[in-house]
C-alpha cells in the first residue's frame, strides 16, 4: 500500500513539474525592435489610426524603434495593436508616436510590451 501511495505522489509531482517547465512566459519588455515589411518606410503618427497626422515619415526597414507600450487602435492588417514608440534618434523634430505593430518585428503576434497607462 505504501509503495502505491508513494508511486502515486511521485507521479503527480513529476507530471506537475513537466507541465510547469514547458510553459512559455512572455515578459513585457520595452526595448529596441526593427521595422519590417514597409517597402517605402514607416510613418510615426500622433494617434493610433491610419489617418493620424504623420509626425515622422519614411523610417526605413531595419531601423530599430524603442517600444514603450501599446494601445488598441484602428485595425490594420488584421491587428488593432499600435505601439507607442521613440524614433531612436532617427531625426526630425517629433520623437514619439504610434505605429502599427504589423510593421515591427517582435517575434510575436501579441503585444510584447505593457499596455499604455496614459
PDB file of N, CA and C in Angstrom:
ATOM      1  N   UNK A   1       0.817  -1.196   0.000  1.00  0.00           N
ATOM      2  CA  UNK A   1       0.000   0.000   0.000  1.00  0.00           C
ATOM      3  C   UNK A   1       0.862   1.262   0.000  1.00  0.00           C
ATOM      4  N   UNK A   2       1.917   1.261   0.821  1.00  0.00           N
ATOM      5  CA  UNK A   2       2.803   2.414   0.901  1.00  0.00           C
ATOM      6  C   UNK A   2       3.514   2.644  -0.421  1.00  0.00           C
ATOM      7  N   UNK A   3       3.872   1.556  -1.111  1.00  0.00           N
ATOM      8  CA  UNK A   3       4.536   1.684  -2.409  1.00  0.00           C
ATOM      9  C   UNK A   3       3.595   2.343  -3.423  1.00  0.00           C
ATOM     10  N   UNK A   4       2.338   1.936  -3.421  1.00  0.00           N
ATOM     11  CA  UNK A   4       1.370   2.520  -4.363  1.00  0.00           C
ATOM     12  C   UNK A   4       1.157   4.003  -4.070  1.00  0.00           C
ATOM     13  N   UNK A   5       1.052   4.352  -2.815  1.00  0.00           N
ATOM     14  CA  UNK A   5       0.854   5.740  -2.429  1.00  0.00           C
ATOM     15  C   UNK A   5       2.076   6.586  -2.813  1.00  0.00           C
ATOM     16  N   UNK A   6       3.252   6.067  -2.524  1.00  0.00           N
ATOM     17  CA  UNK A   6       4.487   6.782  -2.878  1.00  0.00           C
ATOM     18  C   UNK A   6       4.589   6.942  -4.382  1.00  0.00           C
ATOM     19  N   UNK A   7       4.290   5.901  -5.133  1.00  0.00           N
ATOM     20  CA  UNK A   7       4.334   5.965  -6.601  1.00  0.00           C
ATOM     21  C   UNK A   7       3.340   6.999  -7.125  1.00  0.00           C
ATOM     22  N   UNK A   8       2.150   7.025  -6.556  1.00  0.00           N
ATOM     23  CA  UNK A   8       1.133   7.995  -6.984  1.00  0.00           C
ATOM     24  C   UNK A   8       1.591   9.427  -6.722  1.00  0.00           C
ATOM     25  N   UNK A   9       2.134   9.680  -5.553  1.00  0.00           N
ATOM     26  CA  UNK A   9       2.591  11.025  -5.212  1.00  0.00           C
ATOM     27  C   UNK A   9       3.742  11.454  -6.133  1.00  0.00           C
ATOM     28  N   UNK A  10       4.689  10.549  -6.346  1.00  0.00           N
ATOM     29  CA  UNK A  10       5.825  10.849  -7.215  1.00  0.00           C
ATOM     30  C   UNK A  10       5.342  11.110  -8.641  1.00  0.00           C
ATOM     31  N   UNK A  11       4.384  10.330  -9.111  1.00  0.00           N
ATOM     32  CA  UNK A  11       3.847  10.523 -10.457  1.00  0.00           C
ATOM     33  C   UNK A  11       3.188  11.891 -10.604  1.00  0.00           C
ATOM     34  N   UNK A  12       2.389  12.285  -9.634  1.00  0.00           N
ATOM     35  CA  UNK A  12       1.713  13.579  -9.683  1.00  0.00           C
ATOM     36  C   UNK A  12       2.741  14.709  -9.661  1.00  0.00           C
ATOM     37  N   UNK A  13       3.746  14.583  -8.827  1.00  0.00           N
ATOM     38  CA  UNK A  13       4.784  15.611  -8.749  1.00  0.00           C
ATOM     39  C   UNK A  13       5.532  15.715 -10.076  1.00  0.00           C
ATOM     40  N   UNK A  14       5.869  14.603 -10.697  1.00  0.00           N
ATOM     41  CA  UNK A  14       6.594  14.607 -11.962  1.00  0.00           C
ATOM     42  C   UNK A  14       5.750  15.219 -13.080  1.00  0.00           C
ATOM     43  N   UNK A  15       4.490  14.859 -13.159  1.00  0.00           N
ATOM     44  CA  UNK A  15       3.607  15.414 -14.187  1.00  0.00           C
ATOM     45  C   UNK A  15       3.469  16.925 -13.981  1.00  0.00           C
ATOM     46  N   UNK A  16       3.287  17.351 -12.754  1.00  0.00           N
ATOM     47  CA  UNK A  16       3.195  18.782 -12.462  1.00  0.00           C
ATOM     48  C   UNK A  16       4.468  19.515 -12.844  1.00  0.00           C
ATOM     49  N   UNK A  17       5.608  18.928 -12.525  1.00  0.00           N
ATOM     50  CA  UNK A  17       6.895  19.531 -12.885  1.00  0.00           C
ATOM     51  C   UNK A  17       7.027  19.650 -14.390  1.00  0.00           C
ATOM     52  N   UNK A  18       6.676  18.622 -15.133  1.00  0.00           N
ATOM     53  CA  UNK A  18       6.775  18.659 -16.587  1.00  0.00           C
ATOM     54  C   UNK A  18       5.840  19.712 -17.179  1.00  0.00           C
ATOM     55  N   UNK A  19       4.649  19.819 -16.650  1.00  0.00           N
ATOM     56  CA  UNK A  19       3.706  20.810 -17.151  1.00  0.00           C
ATOM     57  C   UNK A  19       4.200  22.234 -16.887  1.00  0.00           C
ATOM     58  N   UNK A  20       4.738  22.455 -15.708  1.00  0.00           N
ATOM     59  CA  UNK A  20       5.209  23.794 -15.361  1.00  0.00           C
ATOM     60  C   UNK A  20       6.475  24.190 -16.112  1.00  0.00           C
ATOM     61  N   UNK A  21       7.370  23.250 -16.344  1.00  0.00           N
ATOM     62  CA  UNK A  21       8.623  23.592 -17.018  1.00  0.00           C
ATOM     63  C   UNK A  21       8.429  23.790 -18.509  1.00  0.00           C
ATOM     64  N   UNK A  22       7.338  23.338 -19.077  1.00  0.00           N
ATOM     65  CA  UNK A  22       7.091  23.516 -20.504  1.00  0.00           C
ATOM     66  C   UNK A  22       6.265  24.757 -20.812  1.00  0.00           C
ATOM     67  N   UNK A  23       5.945  25.556 -19.809  1.00  0.00           N
ATOM     68  CA  UNK A  23       5.172  26.767 -20.025  1.00  0.00           C
ATOM     69  C   UNK A  23       6.083  27.864 -20.555  1.00  0.00           C
ATOM     70  N   UNK A  24       5.606  28.610 -21.520  1.00  0.00           N
ATOM     71  CA  UNK A  24       6.337  29.754 -22.044  1.00  0.00           C
ATOM     72  C   UNK A  24       5.752  31.005 -21.420  1.00  0.00           C
ATOM     73  N   UNK A  25       6.597  31.780 -20.809  1.00  0.00           N
ATOM     74  CA  UNK A  25       6.157  33.012 -20.179  1.00  0.00           C
ATOM     75  C   UNK A  25       6.654  34.181 -21.019  1.00  0.00           C
ATOM     76  N   UNK A  26       5.738  35.054 -21.410  1.00  0.00           N
ATOM     77  CA  UNK A  26       6.103  36.230 -22.173  1.00  0.00           C
ATOM     78  C   UNK A  26       6.209  37.404 -21.209  1.00  0.00           C
ATOM     79  N   UNK A  27       7.367  38.019 -21.170  1.00  0.00           N
ATOM     80  CA  UNK A  27       7.587  39.157 -20.297  1.00  0.00           C
ATOM     81  C   UNK A  27       7.401  40.445 -21.087  1.00  0.00           C
ATOM     82  N   UNK A  28       6.717  41.395 -20.504  1.00  0.00           N
ATOM     83  CA  UNK A  28       6.586  42.708 -21.136  1.00  0.00           C
ATOM     84  C   UNK A  28       7.929  43.409 -21.023  1.00  0.00           C
ATOM     85  N   UNK A  29       8.531  43.711 -22.162  1.00  0.00           N
ATOM     86  CA  UNK A  29       9.854  44.315 -22.138  1.00  0.00           C
ATOM     87  C   UNK A  29       9.962  45.419 -23.171  1.00  0.00           C
ATOM     88  N   UNK A  30      10.022  46.653 -22.684  1.00  0.00           N
ATOM     89  CA  UNK A  30      10.277  47.723 -23.631  1.00  0.00           C
ATOM     90  C   UNK A  30      11.698  47.541 -24.145  1.00  0.00           C
ATOM     91  N   UNK A  31      11.918  47.977 -25.354  1.00  0.00           N
ATOM     92  CA  UNK A  31      13.235  47.812 -25.939  1.00  0.00           C
ATOM     93  C   UNK A  31      13.230  48.146 -27.410  1.00  0.00           C
ATOM     94  N   UNK A  32      14.367  47.895 -28.050  1.00  0.00           N
ATOM     95  CA  UNK A  32      14.534  48.196 -29.471  1.00  0.00           C
ATOM     96  C   UNK A  32      14.074  47.029 -30.326  1.00  0.00           C
ATOM     97  N   UNK A  33      13.233  47.330 -31.304  1.00  0.00           N
ATOM     98  CA  UNK A  33      12.730  46.322 -32.233  1.00  0.00           C
ATOM     99  C   UNK A  33      12.797  46.881 -33.652  1.00  0.00           C
ATOM    100  N   UNK A  34      13.183  46.058 -34.635  1.00  0.00           N
ATOM    101  CA  UNK A  34      13.348  46.565 -36.005  1.00  0.00           C
ATOM    102  C   UNK A  34      12.038  46.703 -36.780  1.00  0.00           C
ATOM    103  N   UNK A  35      12.033  47.680 -37.677  1.00  0.00           N
ATOM    104  CA  UNK A  35      10.929  47.888 -38.612  1.00  0.00           C
ATOM    105  C   UNK A  35      11.054  46.837 -39.713  1.00  0.00           C
ATOM    106  N   UNK A  36       9.931  46.352 -40.200  1.00  0.00           N
ATOM    107  CA  UNK A  36       9.927  45.340 -41.256  1.00  0.00           C
ATOM    108  C   UNK A  36       8.756  45.548 -42.210  1.00  0.00           C
ATOM    109  N   UNK A  37       8.838  44.999 -43.383  1.00  0.00           N
ATOM    110  CA  UNK A  37       7.743  44.875 -44.355  1.00  0.00           C
ATOM    111  C   UNK A  37       7.137  46.180 -44.858  1.00  0.00           C
ATOM    112  N   UNK A  38       7.825  47.298 -44.786  1.00  0.00           N
ATOM    113  CA  UNK A  38       7.193  48.542 -45.225  1.00  0.00           C
ATOM    114  C   UNK A  38       7.403  48.810 -46.707  1.00  0.00           C
ATOM    115  N   UNK A  39       8.559  48.470 -47.231  1.00  0.00           N
ATOM    116  CA  UNK A  39       8.859  48.765 -48.618  1.00  0.00           C
ATOM    117  C   UNK A  39       9.298  50.201 -48.815  1.00  0.00           C
ATOM    118  N   UNK A  40       8.491  51.145 -48.344  1.00  0.00           N
ATOM    119  CA  UNK A  40       8.834  52.562 -48.552  1.00  0.00           C
ATOM    120  C   UNK A  40       9.100  53.303 -47.252  1.00  0.00           C
ATOM    121  N   UNK A  41       9.103  52.633 -46.146  1.00  0.00           N
ATOM    122  CA  UNK A  41       9.365  53.273 -44.865  1.00  0.00           C
ATOM    123  C   UNK A  41       8.124  53.406 -44.009  1.00  0.00           C
ATOM    124  N   UNK A  42       8.345  53.550 -42.726  1.00  0.00           N
ATOM    125  CA  UNK A  42       7.268  53.613 -41.737  1.00  0.00           C
ATOM    126  C   UNK A  42       7.058  55.044 -41.270  1.00  0.00           C
ATOM    127  N   UNK A  43       5.802  55.412 -41.086  1.00  0.00           N
ATOM    128  CA  UNK A  43       5.451  56.735 -40.575  1.00  0.00           C
ATOM    129  C   UNK A  43       5.019  56.620 -39.118  1.00  0.00           C
ATOM    130  N   UNK A  44       5.511  57.529 -38.283  1.00  0.00           N
ATOM    131  CA  UNK A  44       5.048  57.619 -36.903  1.00  0.00           C
ATOM    132  C   UNK A  44       3.896  58.607 -36.886  1.00  0.00           C
ATOM    133  N   UNK A  45       2.822  58.265 -36.166  1.00  0.00           N
ATOM    134  CA  UNK A  45       1.603  59.077 -36.162  1.00  0.00           C
ATOM    135  C   UNK A  45       1.258  59.575 -34.755  1.00  0.00           C
ATOM    136  N   UNK A  46       0.489  60.646 -34.713  1.00  0.00           N
ATOM    137  CA  UNK A  46       0.093  61.229 -33.423  1.00  0.00           C
ATOM    138  C   UNK A  46      -1.013  60.437 -32.741  1.00  0.00           C
ATOM    139  N   UNK A  47      -1.781  59.668 -33.509  1.00  0.00           N
ATOM    140  CA  UNK A  47      -2.862  58.853 -32.954  1.00  0.00           C
ATOM    141  C   UNK A  47      -2.744  57.436 -33.517  1.00  0.00           C
ATOM    142  N   UNK A  48      -3.302  56.451 -32.834  1.00  0.00           N
ATOM    143  CA  UNK A  48      -3.221  55.073 -33.322  1.00  0.00           C
ATOM    144  C   UNK A  48      -4.256  54.779 -34.411  1.00  0.00           C
ATOM    145  N   UNK A  49      -4.193  55.585 -35.478  1.00  0.00           N
ATOM    146  CA  UNK A  49      -5.114  55.434 -36.600  1.00  0.00           C
ATOM    147  C   UNK A  49      -4.352  55.629 -37.911  1.00  0.00           C
ATOM    148  N   UNK A  50      -4.869  55.029 -38.975  1.00  0.00           N
ATOM    149  CA  UNK A  50      -4.235  55.147 -40.293  1.00  0.00           C
ATOM    150  C   UNK A  50      -4.206  56.603 -40.750  1.00  0.00           C
ATOM    151  N   UNK A  51      -5.243  57.354 -40.444  1.00  0.00           N
ATOM    152  CA  UNK A  51      -5.319  58.746 -40.871  1.00  0.00           C
ATOM    153  C   UNK A  51      -4.743  59.734 -39.865  1.00  0.00           C
ATOM    154  N   UNK A  52      -4.086  59.230 -38.817  1.00  0.00           N
ATOM    155  CA  UNK A  52      -3.472  60.126 -37.842  1.00  0.00           C
ATOM    156  C   UNK A  52      -2.379  60.958 -38.493  1.00  0.00           C
ATOM    157  N   UNK A  53      -2.179  62.153 -37.975  1.00  0.00           N
ATOM    158  CA  UNK A  53      -1.156  63.042 -38.520  1.00  0.00           C
ATOM    159  C   UNK A  53       0.209  62.366 -38.474  1.00  0.00           C
ATOM    160  N   UNK A  54       0.911  62.403 -39.598  1.00  0.00           N
ATOM    161  CA  UNK A  54       2.253  61.824 -39.681  1.00  0.00           C
ATOM    162  C   UNK A  54       3.249  62.845 -39.128  1.00  0.00           C
ATOM    163  N   UNK A  55       3.966  62.428 -38.104  1.00  0.00           N
ATOM    164  CA  UNK A  55       4.936  63.337 -37.497  1.00  0.00           C
ATOM    165  C   UNK A  55       6.367  62.956 -37.848  1.00  0.00           C
ATOM    166  N   UNK A  56       6.560  61.799 -38.393  1.00  0.00           N
ATOM    167  CA  UNK A  56       7.850  61.348 -38.871  1.00  0.00           C
ATOM    168  C   UNK A  56       7.569  60.416 -40.046  1.00  0.00           C
ATOM    169  N   UNK A  57       8.262  60.594 -41.158  1.00  0.00           N
ATOM    170  CA  UNK A  57       7.937  59.824 -42.356  1.00  0.00           C
ATOM    171  C   UNK A  57       9.111  58.995 -42.845  1.00  0.00           C
ATOM    172  N   UNK A  58       8.751  57.880 -43.458  1.00  0.00           N
ATOM    173  CA  UNK A  58       9.687  57.045 -44.215  1.00  0.00           C
ATOM    174  C   UNK A  58      10.890  56.540 -43.430  1.00  0.00           C
ATOM    175  N   UNK A  59      10.671  56.087 -42.209  1.00  0.00           N
ATOM    176  CA  UNK A  59      11.759  55.458 -41.463  1.00  0.00           C
ATOM    177  C   UNK A  59      11.974  54.085 -42.102  1.00  0.00           C
ATOM    178  N   UNK A  60      13.188  53.777 -42.559  1.00  0.00           N
ATOM    179  CA  UNK A  60      13.421  52.577 -43.372  1.00  0.00           C
ATOM    180  C   UNK A  60      13.366  51.264 -42.600  1.00  0.00           C
ATOM    181  N   UNK A  61      13.069  50.193 -43.346  1.00  0.00           N
ATOM    182  CA  UNK A  61      13.117  48.838 -42.787  1.00  0.00           C
ATOM    183  C   UNK A  61      14.488  48.603 -42.163  1.00  0.00           C
ATOM    184  N   UNK A  62      14.497  47.881 -41.059  1.00  0.00           N
ATOM    185  CA  UNK A  62      15.744  47.560 -40.377  1.00  0.00           C
ATOM    186  C   UNK A  62      16.093  48.538 -39.273  1.00  0.00           C
ATOM    187  N   UNK A  63      15.622  49.790 -39.392  1.00  0.00           N
ATOM    188  CA  UNK A  63      15.867  50.766 -38.333  1.00  0.00           C
ATOM    189  C   UNK A  63      15.117  50.307 -37.098  1.00  0.00           C
ATOM    190  N   UNK A  64      15.752  50.398 -35.938  1.00  0.00           N
ATOM    191  CA  UNK A  64      15.112  49.959 -34.706  1.00  0.00           C
ATOM    192  C   UNK A  64      14.444  51.123 -33.998  1.00  0.00           C
ATOM    193  N   UNK A  65      13.224  50.855 -33.511  1.00  0.00           N
ATOM    194  CA  UNK A  65      12.466  51.821 -32.727  1.00  0.00           C
ATOM    195  C   UNK A  65      12.375  51.311 -31.298  1.00  0.00           C
ATOM    196  N   UNK A  66      12.301  52.240 -30.361  1.00  0.00           N
ATOM    197  CA  UNK A  66      12.139  51.874 -28.961  1.00  0.00           C
ATOM    198  C   UNK A  66      10.650  51.754 -28.666  1.00  0.00           C
ATOM    199  N   UNK A  67      10.185  50.558 -28.290  1.00  0.00           N
ATOM    200  CA  UNK A  67       8.785  50.336 -27.943  1.00  0.00           C
ATOM    201  C   UNK A  67       8.610  50.553 -26.449  1.00  0.00           C
ATOM    202  N   UNK A  68       7.699  51.463 -26.094  1.00  0.00           N
ATOM    203  CA  UNK A  68       7.412  51.727 -24.689  1.00  0.00           C
ATOM    204  C   UNK A  68       6.223  50.932 -24.192  1.00  0.00           C
ATOM    205  N   UNK A  69       5.140  50.996 -24.961  1.00  0.00           N
ATOM    206  CA  UNK A  69       3.896  50.363 -24.551  1.00  0.00           C
ATOM    207  C   UNK A  69       3.005  50.242 -25.781  1.00  0.00           C
ATOM    208  N   UNK A  70       1.823  49.684 -25.619  1.00  0.00           N
ATOM    209  CA  UNK A  70       0.900  49.544 -26.750  1.00  0.00           C
ATOM    210  C   UNK A  70      -0.489  50.001 -26.355  1.00  0.00           C
ATOM    211  N   UNK A  71      -1.299  50.295 -27.376  1.00  0.00           N
ATOM    212  CA  UNK A  71      -2.718  50.618 -27.199  1.00  0.00           C
ATOM    213  C   UNK A  71      -3.503  49.853 -28.253  1.00  0.00           C
ATOM    214  N   UNK A  72      -4.798  49.777 -28.052  1.00  0.00           N
ATOM    215  CA  UNK A  72      -5.678  49.222 -29.072  1.00  0.00           C
ATOM    216  C   UNK A  72      -6.150  50.387 -29.930  1.00  0.00           C
ATOM    217  N   UNK A  73      -5.847  50.305 -31.202  1.00  0.00           N
ATOM    218  CA  UNK A  73      -6.222  51.378 -32.116  1.00  0.00           C
ATOM    219  C   UNK A  73      -6.993  50.837 -33.298  1.00  0.00           C
ATOM    220  N   UNK A  74      -6.964  51.589 -34.379  1.00  0.00           N
ATOM    221  CA  UNK A  74      -7.646  51.187 -35.608  1.00  0.00           C
ATOM    222  C   UNK A  74      -7.033  49.898 -36.145  1.00  0.00           C
ATOM    223  N   UNK A  75      -7.870  49.008 -36.633  1.00  0.00           N
ATOM    224  CA  UNK A  75      -7.380  47.744 -37.178  1.00  0.00           C
ATOM    225  C   UNK A  75      -6.537  47.984 -38.427  1.00  0.00           C
ATOM    226  N   UNK A  76      -5.378  47.326 -38.458  1.00  0.00           N
ATOM    227  CA  UNK A  76      -4.504  47.402 -39.625  1.00  0.00           C
ATOM    228  C   UNK A  76      -3.956  46.013 -39.899  1.00  0.00           C
ATOM    229  N   UNK A  77      -4.215  45.502 -41.090  1.00  0.00           N
ATOM    230  CA  UNK A  77      -3.766  44.166 -41.496  1.00  0.00           C
ATOM    231  C   UNK A  77      -4.183  43.096 -40.482  1.00  0.00           C
ATOM    232  N   UNK A  78      -5.386  43.240 -39.937  1.00  0.00           N
ATOM    233  CA  UNK A  78      -5.941  42.248 -39.028  1.00  0.00           C
ATOM    234  C   UNK A  78      -5.546  42.401 -37.574  1.00  0.00           C
ATOM    235  N   UNK A  79      -4.817  43.435 -37.230  1.00  0.00           N
ATOM    236  CA  UNK A  79      -4.409  43.654 -35.845  1.00  0.00           C
ATOM    237  C   UNK A  79      -4.778  45.074 -35.427  1.00  0.00           C
ATOM    238  N   UNK A  80      -5.225  45.215 -34.184  1.00  0.00           N
ATOM    239  CA  UNK A  80      -5.520  46.553 -33.679  1.00  0.00           C
ATOM    240  C   UNK A  80      -4.458  47.010 -32.670  1.00  0.00           C
ATOM    241  N   UNK A  81      -3.322  46.325 -32.640  1.00  0.00           N
ATOM    242  CA  UNK A  81      -2.228  46.692 -31.740  1.00  0.00           C
ATOM    243  C   UNK A  81      -1.402  47.804 -32.377  1.00  0.00           C
ATOM    244  N   UNK A  82      -1.257  48.889 -31.651  1.00  0.00           N
ATOM    245  CA  UNK A  82      -0.402  50.005 -32.058  1.00  0.00           C
ATOM    246  C   UNK A  82       0.607  50.238 -30.953  1.00  0.00           C
ATOM    247  N   UNK A  83       1.872  50.293 -31.315  1.00  0.00           N
ATOM    248  CA  UNK A  83       2.928  50.519 -30.341  1.00  0.00           C
ATOM    249  C   UNK A  83       3.233  52.006 -30.225  1.00  0.00           C
ATOM    250  N   UNK A  84       3.439  52.455 -28.994  1.00  0.00           N
ATOM    251  CA  UNK A  84       3.902  53.817 -28.749  1.00  0.00           C
ATOM    252  C   UNK A  84       5.418  53.744 -28.744  1.00  0.00           C
ATOM    253  N   UNK A  85       6.058  54.507 -29.639  1.00  0.00           N
ATOM    254  CA  UNK A  85       7.489  54.345 -29.878  1.00  0.00           C
ATOM    255  C   UNK A  85       8.260  55.653 -29.766  1.00  0.00           C
ATOM    256  N   UNK A  86       9.552  55.494 -29.664  1.00  0.00           N
ATOM    257  CA  UNK A  86      10.537  56.569 -29.760  1.00  0.00           C
ATOM    258  C   UNK A  86      11.299  56.285 -31.046  1.00  0.00           C
ATOM    259  N   UNK A  87      11.592  57.303 -31.829  1.00  0.00           N
ATOM    260  CA  UNK A  87      12.241  57.082 -33.123  1.00  0.00           C
ATOM    261  C   UNK A  87      13.709  56.667 -33.007  1.00  0.00           C
ATOM    262  N   UNK A  88      14.246  56.579 -31.803  1.00  0.00           N
ATOM    263  CA  UNK A  88      15.615  56.115 -31.556  1.00  0.00           C
ATOM    264  C   UNK A  88      16.646  56.968 -32.284  1.00  0.00           C
ATOM    265  N   UNK A  89      16.420  58.264 -32.294  1.00  0.00           N
ATOM    266  CA  UNK A  89      17.386  59.174 -32.879  1.00  0.00           C
ATOM    267  C   UNK A  89      17.384  59.251 -34.393  1.00  0.00           C
ATOM    268  N   UNK A  90      16.294  58.816 -35.023  1.00  0.00           N
ATOM    269  CA  UNK A  90      16.245  58.832 -36.491  1.00  0.00           C
ATOM    270  C   UNK A  90      16.331  60.240 -37.052  1.00  0.00           C
ATOM    271  N   UNK A  91      15.798  61.194 -36.362  1.00  0.00           N
ATOM    272  CA  UNK A  91      15.813  62.577 -36.858  1.00  0.00           C
ATOM    273  C   UNK A  91      14.434  63.187 -36.819  1.00  0.00           C
ATOM    274  N   UNK A  92      14.357  64.413 -37.241  1.00  0.00           N
ATOM    275  CA  UNK A  92      13.072  65.099 -37.221  1.00  0.00           C
ATOM    276  C   UNK A  92      12.842  65.775 -35.889  1.00  0.00           C
ATOM    277  N   UNK A  93      11.788  66.572 -35.810  1.00  0.00           N
ATOM    278  CA  UNK A  93      11.510  67.308 -34.592  1.00  0.00           C
ATOM    279  C   UNK A  93      10.583  66.554 -33.648  1.00  0.00           C
ATOM    280  N   UNK A  94       9.859  65.578 -34.153  1.00  0.00           N
ATOM    281  CA  UNK A  94       8.931  64.825 -33.331  1.00  0.00           C
ATOM    282  C   UNK A  94       9.538  63.455 -33.060  1.00  0.00           C
ATOM    283  N   UNK A  95       9.659  63.111 -31.813  1.00  0.00           N
ATOM    284  CA  UNK A  95      10.373  61.905 -31.443  1.00  0.00           C
ATOM    285  C   UNK A  95       9.468  60.717 -31.119  1.00  0.00           C
ATOM    286  N   UNK A  96       8.255  60.966 -30.628  1.00  0.00           N
ATOM    287  CA  UNK A  96       7.372  59.907 -30.144  1.00  0.00           C
ATOM    288  C   UNK A  96       6.086  59.829 -30.957  1.00  0.00           C
ATOM    289  N   UNK A  97       5.465  58.650 -30.945  1.00  0.00           N
ATOM    290  CA  UNK A  97       4.173  58.499 -31.600  1.00  0.00           C
ATOM    291  C   UNK A  97       3.795  57.033 -31.721  1.00  0.00           C
ATOM    292  N   UNK A  98       2.796  56.767 -32.557  1.00  0.00           N
ATOM    293  CA  UNK A  98       2.229  55.432 -32.709  1.00  0.00           C
ATOM    294  C   UNK A  98       2.554  54.836 -34.070  1.00  0.00           C
ATOM    295  N   UNK A  99       2.799  53.520 -34.067  1.00  0.00           N
ATOM    296  CA  UNK A  99       2.993  52.771 -35.311  1.00  0.00           C
ATOM    297  C   UNK A  99       2.242  51.450 -35.190  1.00  0.00           C
ATOM    298  N   UNK A 100       1.713  50.932 -36.310  1.00  0.00           N
ATOM    299  CA  UNK A 100       1.044  49.626 -36.252  1.00  0.00           C
ATOM    300  C   UNK A 100       2.048  48.527 -35.893  1.00  0.00           C
ATOM    301  N   UNK A 101       1.645  47.663 -35.005  1.00  0.00           N
ATOM    302  CA  UNK A 101       2.505  46.548 -34.598  1.00  0.00           C
ATOM    303  C   UNK A 101       2.884  45.672 -35.791  1.00  0.00           C
ATOM    304  N   UNK A 102       2.046  45.650 -36.809  1.00  0.00           N
ATOM    305  CA  UNK A 102       2.283  44.851 -38.009  1.00  0.00           C
ATOM    306  C   UNK A 102       3.668  45.116 -38.601  1.00  0.00           C
ATOM    307  N   UNK A 103       4.152  46.338 -38.490  1.00  0.00           N
ATOM    308  CA  UNK A 103       5.421  46.720 -39.102  1.00  0.00           C
ATOM    309  C   UNK A 103       6.631  46.601 -38.173  1.00  0.00           C
ATOM    310  N   UNK A 104       6.431  46.100 -36.969  1.00  0.00           N
ATOM    311  CA  UNK A 104       7.539  45.961 -36.028  1.00  0.00           C
ATOM    312  C   UNK A 104       7.799  44.469 -35.803  1.00  0.00           C
ATOM    313  N   UNK A 105       9.041  44.052 -36.014  1.00  0.00           N
ATOM    314  CA  UNK A 105       9.375  42.640 -35.804  1.00  0.00           C
ATOM    315  C   UNK A 105       9.644  42.408 -34.322  1.00  0.00           C
ATOM    316  N   UNK A 106       8.687  41.745 -33.669  1.00  0.00           N
ATOM    317  CA  UNK A 106       8.819  41.431 -32.250  1.00  0.00           C
ATOM    318  C   UNK A 106       8.929  39.931 -32.005  1.00  0.00           C
ATOM    319  N   UNK A 107       8.663  39.138 -33.035  1.00  0.00           N
ATOM    320  CA  UNK A 107       8.680  37.696 -32.863  1.00  0.00           C
ATOM    321  C   UNK A 107       7.370  37.146 -32.321  1.00  0.00           C
ATOM    322  N   UNK A 108       6.357  38.004 -32.215  1.00  0.00           N
ATOM    323  CA  UNK A 108       5.071  37.589 -31.664  1.00  0.00           C
ATOM    324  C   UNK A 108       3.953  38.372 -32.339  1.00  0.00           C
ATOM    325  N   UNK A 109       2.784  37.746 -32.443  1.00  0.00           N
ATOM    326  CA  UNK A 109       1.626  38.465 -32.964  1.00  0.00           C
ATOM    327  C   UNK A 109       0.838  39.117 -31.820  1.00  0.00           C
ATOM    328  N   UNK A 110       1.323  38.925 -30.605  1.00  0.00           N
ATOM    329  CA  UNK A 110       0.716  39.533 -29.421  1.00  0.00           C
ATOM    330  C   UNK A 110       1.630  40.658 -28.929  1.00  0.00           C
ATOM    331  N   UNK A 111       1.108  41.540 -28.108  1.00  0.00           N
ATOM    332  CA  UNK A 111       1.952  42.615 -27.580  1.00  0.00           C
ATOM    333  C   UNK A 111       3.147  42.067 -26.795  1.00  0.00           C
ATOM    334  N   UNK A 112       4.287  42.715 -26.940  1.00  0.00           N
ATOM    335  CA  UNK A 112       5.476  42.320 -26.201  1.00  0.00           C
ATOM    336  C   UNK A 112       5.826  43.355 -25.129  1.00  0.00           C
ATOM    337  N   UNK A 113       5.057  44.438 -25.078  1.00  0.00           N
ATOM    338  CA  UNK A 113       5.226  45.475 -24.068  1.00  0.00           C
ATOM    339  C   UNK A 113       3.911  45.634 -23.317  1.00  0.00           C
ATOM    340  N   UNK A 114       3.949  46.335 -22.211  1.00  0.00           N
ATOM    341  CA  UNK A 114       2.754  46.541 -21.404  1.00  0.00           C
ATOM    342  C   UNK A 114       1.792  47.526 -22.067  1.00  0.00           C
ATOM    343  N   UNK A 115       0.542  47.485 -21.627  1.00  0.00           N
ATOM    344  CA  UNK A 115      -0.467  48.418 -22.116  1.00  0.00           C
ATOM    345  C   UNK A 115      -0.143  49.818 -21.604  1.00  0.00           C
ATOM    346  N   UNK A 116      -0.297  50.832 -22.450  1.00  0.00           N
ATOM    347  CA  UNK A 116      -0.010  52.218 -22.067  1.00  0.00           C
ATOM    348  C   UNK A 116      -0.962  52.657 -20.962  1.00  0.00           C
ATOM    349  N   UNK A 117      -0.439  53.329 -19.978  1.00  0.00           N
ATOM    350  CA  UNK A 117      -1.279  53.768 -18.853  1.00  0.00           C
ATOM    351  C   UNK A 117      -1.515  55.271 -18.858  1.00  0.00           C
ATOM    352  N   UNK A 118      -1.287  55.931 -19.995  1.00  0.00           N
ATOM    353  CA  UNK A 118      -1.528  57.375 -20.061  1.00  0.00           C
ATOM    354  C   UNK A 118      -2.725  57.680 -20.905  1.00  0.00           C
TER     355      UNK A 118
END
